Amino acid sequence: MSRKRTRWFLPETPDVVGMLEQQADITVRGMDAFAAWAQGDLARAEDVRDAEHACDEVRRALVDAVSEAFTTPLQPEDLFQLSRDLDKVINGAKNTVREAEAMEFPPDRATADMAVLLAEGVRHLQAAFGALGRKATASATEAADAAVKSQRNLERTYRQAAGDLLSITDIAVVTARREFYRRISAISDDIVSVADRIWYSEVKES
């Protein structure tokens, strides 16, 4: 009598870090468009919105993959948090554009300068995710540090811009610009949160 052989098939390990890289790539594209929009190319607003929608699709796929994966290179909660905080970056840019359009008030020079620093920060996050994919821990944390440093530069620009508002007497202008600055500061905080989570996830894995 022949014996039946039982085989166990483990589910494939999806490339979830690769999905994070893809999300970061799209976010870079969107934040570059946001920086161009802030510098006066208002037609790039549509590119910001397109990037936000594309990021949503990648994030849904990543969440599904992590939920079904047998193993993942990082802890599932870290992957969820990294993707969620990165998603908040492009969402913040989209909402800033929408607010400007609703108020019919274009961004000013300070907003443009800060938007460039946001785009710089996201490019550093993109590099960090690429390093994670190569399992280059030191490079990932160095890129995360660079992202934080870029946002410290943004803080200085923010403080200067907020101080300059004291010399403006038009309340409508002050209100609109303050809202821009507040939204950009929140986006900057989200970039720092992603960088901090990269550090945290790598420390746990080491």
Protein backbone atom coordinates (compact mmCIF):
# COMPACT_ATOMS: atom_id res chain seq x y z
CA MET A 1 0.00 0.00 0.00
CA SER A 2 1.47 3.32 -1.06
CA ARG A 3 1.86 6.07 1.45
CA LYS A 4 0.45 9.47 0.63
CA ARG A 5 2.97 12.23 0.79
CA THR A 6 1.81 15.50 2.25
CA ARG A 7 3.40 18.64 0.92
CA TRP A 8 3.24 22.01 2.56
CA PHE A 9 3.23 25.00 0.33
CA LEU A 10 4.15 28.21 2.09
CA PRO A 11 2.74 31.40 0.57
CA GLU A 12 5.19 33.55 -1.33
CA THR A 13 6.80 36.44 0.49
CA PRO A 14 5.67 39.55 -1.38
CA ASP A 15 8.12 42.35 -2.05
CA VAL A 16 6.52 44.73 0.44
CA VAL A 17 9.64 46.89 0.69
CA GLY A 18 9.53 47.17 -3.08
CA MET A 19 5.95 48.38 -2.74
CA LEU A 20 7.12 51.00 -0.25
CA GLU A 21 9.76 52.06 -2.79
CA GLN A 22 7.05 52.35 -5.42
CA GLN A 23 4.92 54.44 -3.09
CA ALA A 24 7.92 56.65 -2.36
CA ASP A 25 8.67 57.02 -6.09
CA ILE A 26 5.14 58.25 -6.73
CA THR A 27 5.29 60.53 -3.70
CA VAL A 28 8.51 62.09 -5.00
CA ARG A 29 6.81 62.71 -8.32
CA GLY A 30 3.85 64.29 -6.56
CA MET A 31 5.95 66.45 -4.26
CA ASP A 32 8.07 67.67 -7.17
CA ALA A 33 4.82 68.70 -8.83
CA PHE A 34 3.74 70.35 -5.58
CA ALA A 35 6.99 72.33 -5.47
CA ALA A 36 6.51 73.42 -9.07
CA TRP A 37 2.91 74.43 -8.28
CA ALA A 38 4.09 76.45 -5.27
CA GLN A 39 6.58 78.23 -7.51
CA GLY A 40 3.80 79.42 -9.80
CA ASP A 41 3.11 76.58 -12.23
CA LEU A 42 -0.50 76.18 -11.09
CA ALA A 43 -1.27 73.60 -13.79
CA ARG A 44 0.84 71.10 -11.83
CA ALA A 45 -1.98 70.85 -9.29
CA GLU A 46 -3.45 68.05 -11.39
CA ASP A 47 -0.17 66.12 -11.17
CA VAL A 48 -0.33 66.38 -7.37
CA ARG A 49 -3.84 64.93 -7.39
CA ASP A 50 -2.85 62.16 -9.80
CA ALA A 51 0.05 61.18 -7.55
CA GLU A 52 -2.20 61.08 -4.50
CA HIS A 53 -4.61 58.70 -6.25
CA ALA A 54 -1.76 56.49 -7.47
CA CYS A 55 -0.30 56.31 -3.96
CA ASP A 56 -3.66 55.20 -2.60
CA GLU A 57 -3.67 52.26 -5.03
CA VAL A 58 -0.14 51.18 -4.09
CA ARG A 59 -0.91 51.52 -0.39
CA ARG A 60 -4.01 49.32 -0.68
CA ALA A 61 -1.97 46.67 -2.48
CA LEU A 62 0.73 46.87 0.21
CA VAL A 63 -1.78 46.50 3.04
CA ASP A 64 -3.33 43.47 1.33
CA ALA A 65 0.11 41.93 0.74
CA VAL A 66 1.24 42.42 4.34
CA SER A 67 -2.04 41.00 5.64
CA GLU A 68 -1.61 37.82 3.61
CA ALA A 69 2.17 37.38 3.83
CA PHE A 70 3.64 34.50 5.80
CA THR A 71 6.77 36.52 6.60
CA THR A 72 7.86 40.10 5.94
CA PRO A 73 11.33 41.70 6.08
CA LEU A 74 10.07 44.28 8.58
CA GLN A 75 7.44 43.92 11.27
CA PRO A 76 3.92 44.31 9.81
CA GLU A 77 3.11 47.21 12.13
CA ASP A 78 6.21 49.05 10.91
CA LEU A 79 5.25 48.50 7.28
CA PHE A 80 1.72 49.74 7.94
CA GLN A 81 3.01 52.83 9.77
CA LEU A 82 5.62 53.67 7.16
CA SER A 83 3.08 53.44 4.36
CA ARG A 84 0.44 55.38 6.29
CA ASP A 85 2.72 58.26 7.26
CA LEU A 86 4.13 58.47 3.73
CA ASP A 87 0.57 58.59 2.43
CA LYS A 88 -0.14 61.52 4.74
CA VAL A 89 2.64 63.48 3.01
CA ILE A 90 1.03 63.42 -0.43
CA ASN A 91 -2.43 63.84 1.09
CA GLY A 92 -1.21 66.98 2.81
CA ALA A 93 0.11 68.37 -0.46
CA LYS A 94 -3.16 67.62 -2.23
CA ASN A 95 -5.16 69.28 0.55
CA THR A 96 -2.93 72.37 0.46
CA VAL A 97 -3.54 72.72 -3.26
CA ARG A 98 -7.27 72.27 -2.75
CA GLU A 99 -7.30 74.90 0.00
CA ALA A 100 -5.45 77.38 -2.21
CA GLU A 101 -7.90 76.82 -5.04
CA ALA A 102 -10.88 77.17 -2.70
CA MET A 103 -9.54 80.46 -1.32
CA GLU A 104 -8.44 81.58 -4.79
CA PHE A 105 -5.16 82.58 -3.22
CA PRO A 106 -1.84 81.57 -4.83
CA PRO A 107 1.16 80.39 -2.78
CA ASP A 108 3.82 82.94 -1.85
CA ARG A 109 7.61 82.81 -1.94
CA ALA A 110 7.93 81.27 1.53
CA THR A 111 5.46 78.53 0.62
CA ALA A 112 7.49 77.81 -2.51
CA ASP A 113 10.75 77.63 -0.56
CA MET A 114 9.24 75.24 1.98
CA ALA A 115 7.69 73.10 -0.74
CA VAL A 116 11.14 72.58 -2.25
CA LEU A 117 12.40 71.38 1.13
CA LEU A 118 9.44 69.01 1.42
CA ALA A 119 10.35 67.51 -1.96
CA GLU A 120 13.97 67.20 -0.82
CA GLY A 121 12.89 65.38 2.33
CA VAL A 122 10.80 62.90 0.38
CA ARG A 123 13.70 62.16 -1.96
CA HIS A 124 15.78 61.22 1.09
CA LEU A 125 12.98 58.90 2.22
CA GLN A 126 12.96 57.37 -1.25
CA ALA A 127 16.69 56.69 -0.87
CA ALA A 128 16.10 55.17 2.56
CA PHE A 129 13.49 52.75 1.23
CA GLY A 130 15.84 51.79 -1.60
CA ALA A 131 18.52 51.02 0.99
CA LEU A 132 16.04 48.93 2.99
CA GLY A 133 15.37 46.91 -0.14
CA ARG A 134 19.10 46.22 -0.43
CA LYS A 135 19.29 45.45 3.30
CA ALA A 136 21.77 48.32 3.66
CA THR A 137 20.86 49.38 7.18
CA ALA A 138 23.51 52.08 7.57
CA SER A 139 22.54 53.71 4.27
CA ALA A 140 18.85 53.60 5.20
CA THR A 141 19.39 55.34 8.51
CA GLU A 142 21.76 57.89 6.95
CA ALA A 143 19.09 58.77 4.39
CA ALA A 144 16.52 59.02 7.18
CA ASP A 145 18.84 61.41 9.02
CA ALA A 146 19.17 63.51 5.87
CA ALA A 147 15.37 63.68 5.59
CA VAL A 148 15.12 64.98 9.16
CA LYS A 149 17.89 67.52 8.53
CA SER A 150 16.08 68.90 5.49
CA GLN A 151 12.98 69.43 7.61
CA ARG A 152 14.99 71.25 10.27
CA ASN A 153 15.95 73.66 7.49
CA LEU A 154 12.25 73.97 6.69
CA GLU A 155 11.52 74.87 10.32
CA ARG A 156 13.84 77.87 10.03
CA THR A 157 12.12 79.01 6.86
CA TYR A 158 8.75 78.53 8.56
CA ARG A 159 9.71 80.64 11.58
CA GLN A 160 11.02 83.43 9.38
CA ALA A 161 7.89 83.41 7.23
CA ALA A 162 5.60 83.39 10.27
CA GLY A 163 7.48 86.34 11.70
CA ASP A 164 7.17 88.26 8.44
CA LEU A 165 3.38 88.01 8.69
CA LEU A 166 3.48 90.45 11.60
CA SER A 167 4.23 93.27 9.16
CA ILE A 168 1.16 92.56 7.00
CA THR A 169 -2.02 94.48 7.84
CA ASP A 170 -4.40 92.70 5.44
CA ILE A 171 -6.11 90.09 7.61
CA ALA A 172 -7.26 88.03 4.62
CA VAL A 173 -3.69 87.72 3.37
CA VAL A 174 -2.38 86.84 6.83
CA THR A 175 -5.07 84.19 7.29
CA ALA A 176 -4.41 82.56 3.92
CA ARG A 177 -0.66 82.49 4.31
CA ARG A 178 -0.85 81.23 7.86
CA GLU A 179 -3.01 78.35 6.64
CA PHE A 180 -0.46 77.50 3.96
CA TYR A 181 2.36 77.54 6.48
CA ARG A 182 0.40 75.44 8.96
CA ARG A 183 -0.36 72.78 6.35
CA ILE A 184 3.24 72.66 5.15
CA SER A 185 4.47 72.34 8.73
CA ALA A 186 2.16 69.34 9.19
CA ILE A 187 3.51 67.71 6.01
CA SER A 188 7.04 68.27 7.31
CA ASP A 189 6.11 66.55 10.58
CA ASP A 190 4.86 63.55 8.60
CA ILE A 191 8.18 63.31 6.74
CA VAL A 192 10.01 63.29 10.07
CA SER A 193 7.63 60.60 11.33
CA VAL A 194 8.52 58.36 8.39
CA ALA A 195 12.23 58.94 9.00
CA ASP A 196 11.86 58.17 12.71
CA ARG A 197 9.96 54.97 11.90
CA ILE A 198 12.74 53.85 9.57
CA TRP A 199 15.18 54.23 12.43
CA TYR A 200 12.84 52.42 14.82
CA SER A 201 12.18 49.51 12.49
CA GLU A 202 15.87 49.04 11.75
CA VAL A 203 16.84 49.13 15.43
CA LYS A 204 14.30 46.37 16.15
CA GLU A 205 15.59 44.22 13.31
CA SER A 206 19.26 44.60 14.23
